[in-house]
């Protein structure tokens, strides 16, 4: 299992998701956070599971049961979560 590191931007993305959903539905906000963390743990064990983005060292992985994607890469023996973005957004601009 690789060590998991969340970039500053990915941590900010997760915080923004929480700020947006917490007033609307606190349970859903917490669920997204839990599922994103679970997805990162899965990827730490199976880093090749995500689809490689063309011409990049970045992979993407859908956070199960949510409309969010984790953008990540293997970096110096660790799994680096680069961003977490809504799948409907132009997420290619985030990497």
PDB file of N, CA and C in Angstrom:
ATOM      1  N   UNK A   1       0.850  -1.184   0.000  1.00  0.00           N
ATOM      2  CA  UNK A   1       0.000   0.000   0.000  1.00  0.00           C
ATOM      3  C   UNK A   1       0.888   1.237   0.000  1.00  0.00           C
ATOM      4  N   UNK A   2       0.589   2.157  -0.875  1.00  0.00           N
ATOM      5  CA  UNK A   2       1.336   3.398  -0.974  1.00  0.00           C
ATOM      6  C   UNK A   2       0.818   4.408   0.054  1.00  0.00           C
ATOM      7  N   UNK A   3       1.699   5.298   0.484  1.00  0.00           N
ATOM      8  CA  UNK A   3       1.268   6.408   1.334  1.00  0.00           C
ATOM      9  C   UNK A   3       0.397   7.335   0.485  1.00  0.00           C
ATOM     10  N   UNK A   4      -0.609   7.921   1.104  1.00  0.00           N
ATOM     11  CA  UNK A   4      -1.536   8.809   0.405  1.00  0.00           C
ATOM     12  C   UNK A   4      -1.228  10.243   0.816  1.00  0.00           C
ATOM     13  N   UNK A   5      -1.072  11.108  -0.183  1.00  0.00           N
ATOM     14  CA  UNK A   5      -0.862  12.532   0.064  1.00  0.00           C
ATOM     15  C   UNK A   5      -1.878  13.313  -0.758  1.00  0.00           C
ATOM     16  N   UNK A   6      -2.607  14.191  -0.103  1.00  0.00           N
ATOM     17  CA  UNK A   6      -3.567  15.059  -0.775  1.00  0.00           C
ATOM     18  C   UNK A   6      -2.881  16.407  -1.000  1.00  0.00           C
ATOM     19  N   UNK A   7      -2.903  16.886  -2.236  1.00  0.00           N
ATOM     20  CA  UNK A   7      -2.324  18.195  -2.527  1.00  0.00           C
ATOM     21  C   UNK A   7      -3.135  19.279  -1.810  1.00  0.00           C
ATOM     22  N   UNK A   8      -2.540  20.430  -1.678  1.00  0.00           N
ATOM     23  CA  UNK A   8      -3.241  21.575  -1.076  1.00  0.00           C
ATOM     24  C   UNK A   8      -4.523  21.862  -1.852  1.00  0.00           C
ATOM     25  N   UNK A   9      -4.440  21.783  -3.191  1.00  0.00           N
ATOM     26  CA  UNK A   9      -5.610  22.045  -4.030  1.00  0.00           C
ATOM     27  C   UNK A   9      -6.706  21.003  -3.814  1.00  0.00           C
ATOM     28  N   UNK A  10      -6.323  19.742  -3.678  1.00  0.00           N
ATOM     29  CA  UNK A  10      -7.314  18.686  -3.455  1.00  0.00           C
ATOM     30  C   UNK A  10      -7.993  18.851  -2.096  1.00  0.00           C
ATOM     31  N   UNK A  11      -7.214  19.206  -1.084  1.00  0.00           N
ATOM     32  CA  UNK A  11      -7.807  19.457   0.237  1.00  0.00           C
ATOM     33  C   UNK A  11      -8.763  20.643   0.167  1.00  0.00           C
ATOM     34  N   UNK A  12      -8.392  21.685  -0.589  1.00  0.00           N
ATOM     35  CA  UNK A  12      -9.272  22.849  -0.754  1.00  0.00           C
ATOM     36  C   UNK A  12     -10.543  22.460  -1.508  1.00  0.00           C
ATOM     37  N   UNK A  13     -10.404  21.601  -2.538  1.00  0.00           N
ATOM     38  CA  UNK A  13     -11.583  21.129  -3.281  1.00  0.00           C
ATOM     39  C   UNK A  13     -12.559  20.419  -2.345  1.00  0.00           C
ATOM     40  N   UNK A  14     -12.032  19.533  -1.514  1.00  0.00           N
ATOM     41  CA  UNK A  14     -12.877  18.781  -0.588  1.00  0.00           C
ATOM     42  C   UNK A  14     -13.547  19.717   0.421  1.00  0.00           C
ATOM     43  N   UNK A  15     -12.812  20.699   0.882  1.00  0.00           N
ATOM     44  CA  UNK A  15     -13.383  21.680   1.816  1.00  0.00           C
ATOM     45  C   UNK A  15     -14.489  22.500   1.141  1.00  0.00           C
ATOM     46  N   UNK A  16     -14.284  22.885  -0.109  1.00  0.00           N
ATOM     47  CA  UNK A  16     -15.317  23.645  -0.835  1.00  0.00           C
ATOM     48  C   UNK A  16     -16.580  22.823  -1.040  1.00  0.00           C
ATOM     49  N   UNK A  17     -16.411  21.529  -1.331  1.00  0.00           N
ATOM     50  CA  UNK A  17     -17.564  20.641  -1.476  1.00  0.00           C
ATOM     51  C   UNK A  17     -18.337  20.595  -0.157  1.00  0.00           C
ATOM     52  N   UNK A  18     -17.616  20.476   0.938  1.00  0.00           N
ATOM     53  CA  UNK A  18     -18.252  20.431   2.254  1.00  0.00           C
ATOM     54  C   UNK A  18     -18.979  21.740   2.567  1.00  0.00           C
ATOM     55  N   UNK A  19     -18.345  22.866   2.289  1.00  0.00           N
ATOM     56  CA  UNK A  19     -18.956  24.180   2.550  1.00  0.00           C
ATOM     57  C   UNK A  19     -20.237  24.337   1.737  1.00  0.00           C
ATOM     58  N   UNK A  20     -20.228  23.855   0.508  1.00  0.00           N
ATOM     59  CA  UNK A  20     -21.403  23.974  -0.339  1.00  0.00           C
ATOM     60  C   UNK A  20     -22.557  23.089   0.153  1.00  0.00           C
ATOM     61  N   UNK A  21     -22.260  21.804   0.436  1.00  0.00           N
ATOM     62  CA  UNK A  21     -23.334  20.869   0.753  1.00  0.00           C
ATOM     63  C   UNK A  21     -23.764  20.850   2.217  1.00  0.00           C
ATOM     64  N   UNK A  22     -22.897  21.225   3.139  1.00  0.00           N
ATOM     65  CA  UNK A  22     -23.233  21.122   4.561  1.00  0.00           C
ATOM     66  C   UNK A  22     -24.531  21.857   4.919  1.00  0.00           C
ATOM     67  N   UNK A  23     -24.753  23.106   4.469  1.00  0.00           N
ATOM     68  CA  UNK A  23     -26.030  23.768   4.808  1.00  0.00           C
ATOM     69  C   UNK A  23     -27.245  23.111   4.146  1.00  0.00           C
ATOM     70  N   UNK A  24     -27.031  22.502   2.981  1.00  0.00           N
ATOM     71  CA  UNK A  24     -28.128  21.877   2.243  1.00  0.00           C
ATOM     72  C   UNK A  24     -28.453  20.483   2.766  1.00  0.00           C
ATOM     73  N   UNK A  25     -27.401  19.701   3.025  1.00  0.00           N
ATOM     74  CA  UNK A  25     -27.580  18.324   3.453  1.00  0.00           C
ATOM     75  C   UNK A  25     -26.291  17.848   4.125  1.00  0.00           C
ATOM     76  N   UNK A  26     -26.168  18.039   5.444  1.00  0.00           N
ATOM     77  CA  UNK A  26     -24.933  17.690   6.130  1.00  0.00           C
ATOM     78  C   UNK A  26     -24.541  16.213   5.997  1.00  0.00           C
ATOM     79  N   UNK A  27     -25.528  15.328   5.934  1.00  0.00           N
ATOM     80  CA  UNK A  27     -25.213  13.902   5.777  1.00  0.00           C
ATOM     81  C   UNK A  27     -24.566  13.628   4.423  1.00  0.00           C
ATOM     82  N   UNK A  28     -25.082  14.273   3.391  1.00  0.00           N
ATOM     83  CA  UNK A  28     -24.508  14.095   2.051  1.00  0.00           C
ATOM     84  C   UNK A  28     -23.096  14.671   1.996  1.00  0.00           C
ATOM     85  N   UNK A  29     -22.893  15.815   2.604  1.00  0.00           N
ATOM     86  CA  UNK A  29     -21.555  16.421   2.645  1.00  0.00           C
ATOM     87  C   UNK A  29     -20.560  15.467   3.299  1.00  0.00           C
ATOM     88  N   UNK A  30     -20.939  14.891   4.417  1.00  0.00           N
ATOM     89  CA  UNK A  30     -20.062  13.951   5.118  1.00  0.00           C
ATOM     90  C   UNK A  30     -19.846  12.687   4.290  1.00  0.00           C
ATOM     91  N   UNK A  31     -20.884  12.246   3.611  1.00  0.00           N
ATOM     92  CA  UNK A  31     -20.797  11.038   2.786  1.00  0.00           C
ATOM     93  C   UNK A  31     -19.781  11.238   1.651  1.00  0.00           C
ATOM     94  N   UNK A  32     -19.792  12.385   1.013  1.00  0.00           N
ATOM     95  CA  UNK A  32     -18.836  12.651  -0.066  1.00  0.00           C
ATOM     96  C   UNK A  32     -17.416  12.576   0.480  1.00  0.00           C
ATOM     97  N   UNK A  33     -17.179  13.188   1.625  1.00  0.00           N
ATOM     98  CA  UNK A  33     -15.850  13.146   2.240  1.00  0.00           C
ATOM     99  C   UNK A  33     -15.415  11.732   2.553  1.00  0.00           C
ATOM    100  N   UNK A  34     -16.304  10.956   3.158  1.00  0.00           N
ATOM    101  CA  UNK A  34     -15.968   9.564   3.493  1.00  0.00           C
ATOM    102  C   UNK A  34     -15.664   8.742   2.245  1.00  0.00           C
ATOM    103  N   UNK A  35     -16.480   8.918   1.218  1.00  0.00           N
ATOM    104  CA  UNK A  35     -16.295   8.140  -0.006  1.00  0.00           C
ATOM    105  C   UNK A  35     -15.024   8.561  -0.745  1.00  0.00           C
ATOM    106  N   UNK A  36     -14.684   9.832  -0.704  1.00  0.00           N
ATOM    107  CA  UNK A  36     -13.442  10.292  -1.345  1.00  0.00           C
ATOM    108  C   UNK A  36     -12.236   9.688  -0.639  1.00  0.00           C
ATOM    109  N   UNK A  37     -12.279   9.652   0.687  1.00  0.00           N
ATOM    110  CA  UNK A  37     -11.180   9.055   1.452  1.00  0.00           C
ATOM    111  C   UNK A  37     -11.100   7.556   1.185  1.00  0.00           C
ATOM    112  N   UNK A  38     -12.251   6.890   1.130  1.00  0.00           N
ATOM    113  CA  UNK A  38     -12.265   5.452   0.824  1.00  0.00           C
ATOM    114  C   UNK A  38     -11.695   5.193  -0.570  1.00  0.00           C
ATOM    115  N   UNK A  39     -12.039   6.042  -1.529  1.00  0.00           N
ATOM    116  CA  UNK A  39     -11.511   5.884  -2.888  1.00  0.00           C
ATOM    117  C   UNK A  39      -9.999   6.052  -2.899  1.00  0.00           C
ATOM    118  N   UNK A  40      -9.490   7.020  -2.138  1.00  0.00           N
ATOM    119  CA  UNK A  40      -8.033   7.221  -2.106  1.00  0.00           C
ATOM    120  C   UNK A  40      -7.342   6.011  -1.476  1.00  0.00           C
ATOM    121  N   UNK A  41      -7.958   5.400  -0.480  1.00  0.00           N
ATOM    122  CA  UNK A  41      -7.375   4.200   0.136  1.00  0.00           C
ATOM    123  C   UNK A  41      -7.365   3.021  -0.830  1.00  0.00           C
ATOM    124  N   UNK A  42      -8.435   2.885  -1.596  1.00  0.00           N
ATOM    125  CA  UNK A  42      -8.469   1.835  -2.615  1.00  0.00           C
ATOM    126  C   UNK A  42      -7.342   2.055  -3.628  1.00  0.00           C
ATOM    127  N   UNK A  43      -7.185   3.302  -4.067  1.00  0.00           N
ATOM    128  CA  UNK A  43      -6.164   3.611  -5.067  1.00  0.00           C
ATOM    129  C   UNK A  43      -4.756   3.434  -4.520  1.00  0.00           C
ATOM    130  N   UNK A  44      -4.573   3.602  -3.222  1.00  0.00           N
ATOM    131  CA  UNK A  44      -3.257   3.380  -2.625  1.00  0.00           C
ATOM    132  C   UNK A  44      -2.840   1.918  -2.766  1.00  0.00           C
ATOM    133  N   UNK A  45      -3.817   1.021  -2.790  1.00  0.00           N
ATOM    134  CA  UNK A  45      -3.552  -0.408  -2.955  1.00  0.00           C
ATOM    135  C   UNK A  45      -3.528  -0.780  -4.444  1.00  0.00           C
ATOM    136  N   UNK A  46      -4.349  -0.097  -5.243  1.00  0.00           N
ATOM    137  CA  UNK A  46      -4.493  -0.399  -6.673  1.00  0.00           C
ATOM    138  C   UNK A  46      -4.271   0.876  -7.498  1.00  0.00           C
ATOM    139  N   UNK A  47      -3.076   1.423  -7.515  1.00  0.00           N
ATOM    140  CA  UNK A  47      -2.854   2.716  -8.163  1.00  0.00           C
ATOM    141  C   UNK A  47      -3.078   2.718  -9.674  1.00  0.00           C
ATOM    142  N   UNK A  48      -3.019   1.573 -10.312  1.00  0.00           N
ATOM    143  CA  UNK A  48      -3.251   1.511 -11.752  1.00  0.00           C
ATOM    144  C   UNK A  48      -4.709   1.373 -12.145  1.00  0.00           C
ATOM    145  N   UNK A  49      -5.611   1.432 -11.182  1.00  0.00           N
ATOM    146  CA  UNK A  49      -7.032   1.205 -11.460  1.00  0.00           C
ATOM    147  C   UNK A  49      -7.671   2.325 -12.275  1.00  0.00           C
ATOM    148  N   UNK A  50      -7.214   3.537 -12.092  1.00  0.00           N
ATOM    149  CA  UNK A  50      -7.820   4.667 -12.782  1.00  0.00           C
ATOM    150  C   UNK A  50      -7.371   4.780 -14.223  1.00  0.00           C
ATOM    151  N   UNK A  51      -8.182   5.452 -15.011  1.00  0.00           N
ATOM    152  CA  UNK A  51      -7.891   5.675 -16.423  1.00  0.00           C
ATOM    153  C   UNK A  51      -6.798   6.730 -16.541  1.00  0.00           C
ATOM    154  N   UNK A  52      -5.765   6.420 -17.324  1.00  0.00           N
ATOM    155  CA  UNK A  52      -4.682   7.371 -17.555  1.00  0.00           C
ATOM    156  C   UNK A  52      -5.168   8.444 -18.522  1.00  0.00           C
ATOM    157  N   UNK A  53      -4.965   9.686 -18.148  1.00  0.00           N
ATOM    158  CA  UNK A  53      -5.333  10.777 -19.045  1.00  0.00           C
ATOM    159  C   UNK A  53      -4.273  10.895 -20.130  1.00  0.00           C
ATOM    160  N   UNK A  54      -4.694  11.150 -21.326  1.00  0.00           N
ATOM    161  CA  UNK A  54      -3.799  11.173 -22.481  1.00  0.00           C
ATOM    162  C   UNK A  54      -2.693  12.208 -22.302  1.00  0.00           C
ATOM    163  N   UNK A  55      -1.467  11.787 -22.601  1.00  0.00           N
ATOM    164  CA  UNK A  55      -0.283  12.654 -22.558  1.00  0.00           C
ATOM    165  C   UNK A  55      -0.007  13.235 -21.176  1.00  0.00           C
ATOM    166  N   UNK A  56      -0.407  12.557 -20.136  1.00  0.00           N
ATOM    167  CA  UNK A  56      -0.181  13.063 -18.783  1.00  0.00           C
ATOM    168  C   UNK A  56       0.175  11.912 -17.863  1.00  0.00           C
ATOM    169  N   UNK A  57       0.682  12.233 -16.723  1.00  0.00           N
ATOM    170  CA  UNK A  57       0.969  11.209 -15.715  1.00  0.00           C
ATOM    171  C   UNK A  57      -0.153  11.148 -14.688  1.00  0.00           C
ATOM    172  N   UNK A  58      -1.280  11.731 -15.023  1.00  0.00           N
ATOM    173  CA  UNK A  58      -2.435  11.815 -14.122  1.00  0.00           C
ATOM    174  C   UNK A  58      -3.454  10.743 -14.504  1.00  0.00           C
ATOM    175  N   UNK A  59      -4.072  10.161 -13.491  1.00  0.00           N
ATOM    176  CA  UNK A  59      -5.175   9.216 -13.685  1.00  0.00           C
ATOM    177  C   UNK A  59      -6.427   9.790 -13.043  1.00  0.00           C
ATOM    178  N   UNK A  60      -7.584   9.284 -13.465  1.00  0.00           N
ATOM    179  CA  UNK A  60      -8.853   9.708 -12.857  1.00  0.00           C
ATOM    180  C   UNK A  60      -9.592   8.495 -12.339  1.00  0.00           C
ATOM    181  N   UNK A  61     -10.350   8.725 -11.268  1.00  0.00           N
ATOM    182  CA  UNK A  61     -11.131   7.662 -10.628  1.00  0.00           C
ATOM    183  C   UNK A  61     -12.422   8.263 -10.089  1.00  0.00           C
ATOM    184  N   UNK A  62     -13.538   7.657 -10.432  1.00  0.00           N
ATOM    185  CA  UNK A  62     -14.843   8.134  -9.957  1.00  0.00           C
ATOM    186  C   UNK A  62     -14.998   7.770  -8.485  1.00  0.00           C
ATOM    187  N   UNK A  63     -15.421   8.746  -7.688  1.00  0.00           N
ATOM    188  CA  UNK A  63     -15.732   8.487  -6.280  1.00  0.00           C
ATOM    189  C   UNK A  63     -17.115   7.850  -6.268  1.00  0.00           C
ATOM    190  N   UNK A  64     -17.165   6.596  -5.876  1.00  0.00           N
ATOM    191  CA  UNK A  64     -18.388   5.793  -5.963  1.00  0.00           C
ATOM    192  C   UNK A  64     -19.576   6.480  -5.299  1.00  0.00           C
ATOM    193  N   UNK A  65     -20.702   6.483  -6.016  1.00  0.00           N
ATOM    194  CA  UNK A  65     -21.945   7.021  -5.471  1.00  0.00           C
ATOM    195  C   UNK A  65     -21.998   8.535  -5.411  1.00  0.00           C
ATOM    196  N   UNK A  66     -21.045   9.202  -6.076  1.00  0.00           N
ATOM    197  CA  UNK A  66     -21.022  10.667  -6.108  1.00  0.00           C
ATOM    198  C   UNK A  66     -20.738  11.108  -7.543  1.00  0.00           C
ATOM    199  N   UNK A  67     -20.944  12.384  -7.823  1.00  0.00           N
ATOM    200  CA  UNK A  67     -20.602  12.887  -9.156  1.00  0.00           C
ATOM    201  C   UNK A  67     -19.165  13.430  -9.228  1.00  0.00           C
ATOM    202  N   UNK A  68     -18.289  12.960  -8.339  1.00  0.00           N
ATOM    203  CA  UNK A  68     -16.935  13.515  -8.255  1.00  0.00           C
ATOM    204  C   UNK A  68     -15.880  12.545  -8.761  1.00  0.00           C
ATOM    205  N   UNK A  69     -14.796  13.134  -9.251  1.00  0.00           N
ATOM    206  CA  UNK A  69     -13.631  12.388  -9.719  1.00  0.00           C
ATOM    207  C   UNK A  69     -12.424  12.752  -8.874  1.00  0.00           C
ATOM    208  N   UNK A  70     -11.626  11.746  -8.559  1.00  0.00           N
ATOM    209  CA  UNK A  70     -10.309  12.002  -7.977  1.00  0.00           C
ATOM    210  C   UNK A  70      -9.318  12.006  -9.133  1.00  0.00           C
ATOM    211  N   UNK A  71      -8.510  13.032  -9.217  1.00  0.00           N
ATOM    212  CA  UNK A  71      -7.415  13.098 -10.170  1.00  0.00           C
ATOM    213  C   UNK A  71      -6.157  12.851  -9.359  1.00  0.00           C
ATOM    214  N   UNK A  72      -5.363  11.865  -9.771  1.00  0.00           N
ATOM    215  CA  UNK A  72      -4.231  11.445  -8.937  1.00  0.00           C
ATOM    216  C   UNK A  72      -3.063  10.977  -9.790  1.00  0.00           C
ATOM    217  N   UNK A  73      -1.927  10.811  -9.138  1.00  0.00           N
ATOM    218  CA  UNK A  73      -0.753  10.254  -9.797  1.00  0.00           C
ATOM    219  C   UNK A  73       0.111   9.545  -8.770  1.00  0.00           C
ATOM    220  N   UNK A  74       0.925   8.637  -9.267  1.00  0.00           N
ATOM    221  CA  UNK A  74       1.943   8.024  -8.420  1.00  0.00           C
ATOM    222  C   UNK A  74       3.136   8.964  -8.436  1.00  0.00           C
ATOM    223  N   UNK A  75       3.611   9.314  -7.268  1.00  0.00           N
ATOM    224  CA  UNK A  75       4.664  10.312  -7.162  1.00  0.00           C
ATOM    225  C   UNK A  75       5.660   9.883  -6.096  1.00  0.00           C
ATOM    226  N   UNK A  76       6.857   9.474  -6.522  1.00  0.00           N
ATOM    227  CA  UNK A  76       7.920   9.083  -5.595  1.00  0.00           C
ATOM    228  C   UNK A  76       7.458   8.030  -4.586  1.00  0.00           C
ATOM    229  N   UNK A  77       6.840   6.970  -5.092  1.00  0.00           N
ATOM    230  CA  UNK A  77       6.417   5.873  -4.241  1.00  0.00           C
ATOM    231  C   UNK A  77       5.178   6.131  -3.412  1.00  0.00           C
ATOM    232  N   UNK A  78       4.518   7.237  -3.662  1.00  0.00           N
ATOM    233  CA  UNK A  78       3.277   7.526  -2.932  1.00  0.00           C
ATOM    234  C   UNK A  78       2.161   7.841  -3.922  1.00  0.00           C
ATOM    235  N   UNK A  79       0.947   7.824  -3.431  1.00  0.00           N
ATOM    236  CA  UNK A  79      -0.210   8.188  -4.236  1.00  0.00           C
ATOM    237  C   UNK A  79      -0.544   9.636  -3.906  1.00  0.00           C
ATOM    238  N   UNK A  80      -0.528  10.481  -4.898  1.00  0.00           N
ATOM    239  CA  UNK A  80      -0.798  11.902  -4.695  1.00  0.00           C
ATOM    240  C   UNK A  80      -2.145  12.244  -5.307  1.00  0.00           C
ATOM    241  N   UNK A  81      -3.091  12.644  -4.462  1.00  0.00           N
ATOM    242  CA  UNK A  81      -4.394  13.113  -4.938  1.00  0.00           C
ATOM    243  C   UNK A  81      -4.178  14.563  -5.361  1.00  0.00           C
ATOM    244  N   UNK A  82      -4.357  14.823  -6.637  1.00  0.00           N
ATOM    245  CA  UNK A  82      -4.067  16.137  -7.193  1.00  0.00           C
ATOM    246  C   UNK A  82      -5.267  17.065  -7.044  1.00  0.00           C
ATOM    247  N   UNK A  83      -6.458  16.579  -7.404  1.00  0.00           N
ATOM    248  CA  UNK A  83      -7.689  17.378  -7.316  1.00  0.00           C
ATOM    249  C   UNK A  83      -8.873  16.446  -7.108  1.00  0.00           C
ATOM    250  N   UNK A  84      -9.978  17.008  -6.626  1.00  0.00           N
ATOM    251  CA  UNK A  84     -11.269  16.316  -6.622  1.00  0.00           C
ATOM    252  C   UNK A  84     -12.249  17.286  -7.275  1.00  0.00           C
ATOM    253  N   UNK A  85     -12.846  16.854  -8.382  1.00  0.00           N
ATOM    254  CA  UNK A  85     -13.687  17.751  -9.177  1.00  0.00           C
ATOM    255  C   UNK A  85     -14.984  17.057  -9.576  1.00  0.00           C
ATOM    256  N   UNK A  86     -16.003  17.865  -9.805  1.00  0.00           N
ATOM    257  CA  UNK A  86     -17.287  17.360 -10.275  1.00  0.00           C
ATOM    258  C   UNK A  86     -17.108  16.871 -11.709  1.00  0.00           C
ATOM    259  N   UNK A  87     -17.643  15.699 -12.010  1.00  0.00           N
ATOM    260  CA  UNK A  87     -17.445  15.081 -13.324  1.00  0.00           C
ATOM    261  C   UNK A  87     -18.071  15.904 -14.456  1.00  0.00           C
ATOM    262  N   UNK A  88     -19.068  16.735 -14.161  1.00  0.00           N
ATOM    263  CA  UNK A  88     -19.711  17.532 -15.195  1.00  0.00           C
ATOM    264  C   UNK A  88     -18.876  18.768 -15.569  1.00  0.00           C
ATOM    265  N   UNK A  89     -17.904  19.097 -14.749  1.00  0.00           N
ATOM    266  CA  UNK A  89     -17.036  20.246 -15.044  1.00  0.00           C
ATOM    267  C   UNK A  89     -15.983  19.853 -16.066  1.00  0.00           C
ATOM    268  N   UNK A  90     -15.363  20.833 -16.655  1.00  0.00           N
ATOM    269  CA  UNK A  90     -14.231  20.555 -17.546  1.00  0.00           C
ATOM    270  C   UNK A  90     -13.021  20.288 -16.668  1.00  0.00           C
ATOM    271  N   UNK A  91     -12.939  19.070 -16.172  1.00  0.00           N
ATOM    272  CA  UNK A  91     -11.906  18.708 -15.206  1.00  0.00           C
ATOM    273  C   UNK A  91     -10.520  18.674 -15.830  1.00  0.00           C
ATOM    274  N   UNK A  92     -10.422  18.681 -17.167  1.00  0.00           N
ATOM    275  CA  UNK A  92      -9.095  18.682 -17.798  1.00  0.00           C
ATOM    276  C   UNK A  92      -8.323  19.956 -17.495  1.00  0.00           C
ATOM    277  N   UNK A  93      -9.023  21.021 -17.157  1.00  0.00           N
ATOM    278  CA  UNK A  93      -8.355  22.282 -16.816  1.00  0.00           C
ATOM    279  C   UNK A  93      -7.814  22.286 -15.389  1.00  0.00           C
ATOM    280  N   UNK A  94      -8.110  21.264 -14.632  1.00  0.00           N
ATOM    281  CA  UNK A  94      -7.691  21.214 -13.234  1.00  0.00           C
ATOM    282  C   UNK A  94      -6.330  20.550 -13.047  1.00  0.00           C
ATOM    283  N   UNK A  95      -5.789  19.966 -14.092  1.00  0.00           N
ATOM    284  CA  UNK A  95      -4.493  19.280 -13.960  1.00  0.00           C
ATOM    285  C   UNK A  95      -3.432  19.932 -14.814  1.00  0.00           C
TER     286      UNK A  95
END
